[in-house]
Structure formats: C-alpha cells, structure tokens
C-alpha cells in the first residue's frame, strides 16, 4: 500500500517515471546500491526516531551513521529509534522501505547535511523493491523537509 501512495504522489507532480520497481530487494543500503548500480553513499537512507513522543524521519547518505551527541544537540534528547513493529503504523512505510514521501500526517522530515555533497540520490519508494531517483533540489521539495540537520558521522574523509 505505501508503494502505491508514493507512486501516486510522484505521478501527481509529474515525476512518476522516477519511481522504479526492481526484481531485487533493496532492504539495506548495500542491497539497494547493488540493485541500482550506484555507490552506497548515494542511497538516501531514511531513519525513524521518536522525538518528544512523536515520529520523525531523518534522511542521510548511505555511508553516514547517527552520532548520538550530535543528535542530542539538535533534538535535545537521546536518539531513540522506532521499533520495527511500530514503524509502519507510525510512519506509513514498512521497515526497509521507509522513505520521506507520502508519510503519515504529522511526521516531520529532516535532511542530514551528509546529502549535500550529491547532485542526485536514490531513496526508497515505499516498498522493499522500489526506489525514487531525484536531484537534491527535488528531494528537498518532495520530502517537505523541516530543515537541514547535522547529526551524522562516518561520511567525512577525516572522521
């Protein structure tokens, strides 16, 4: 069902051809990169957290990892991921297929600065075997992001 919501959204904005369904499953960054044929860092992975008792999403580069102290500095609390059995109900997409598009009402989306180094990215498309290929400006527009955040580590050369 969530794939259909994502496809319907992108059809409505004239970008339906950017959603691709593949035979291969892309439930991890590595699997998605292999299925698409791109570098893992170009996969825009979407992580689900609870902040102030509400679900939020943070989209980051595939090679980035959440830094607990940076997360706390931005959101003023410890990083608490949504448990897998609650992700779909709270966010609108199943684990492994979470994306920042066509999410449940009230879910805020943040983009991590680790994405700023790319002109284009590939994000999940609402199912384990679908992706959406977008430019960075398109991701900004269609994720309906709140703001840029800096909560990750591991993607900078000198880290």
Foldseek 3Di string as FASTA:
>chain_A
DQLVLLLVVCVVVVNNVQKDFDPFFQLALVSVCVRVVHDSQQEFEWFWWAAPNAIEIETHGRQWDFDQVQVCVVRVDGTGGDDQVCCCVRWVAHRSQDDLASTDPPHAYEYECNNVVFQWGWYHSRGRGMIGIDGPVVSCVRSVHPYYGHGIDRSDPVD
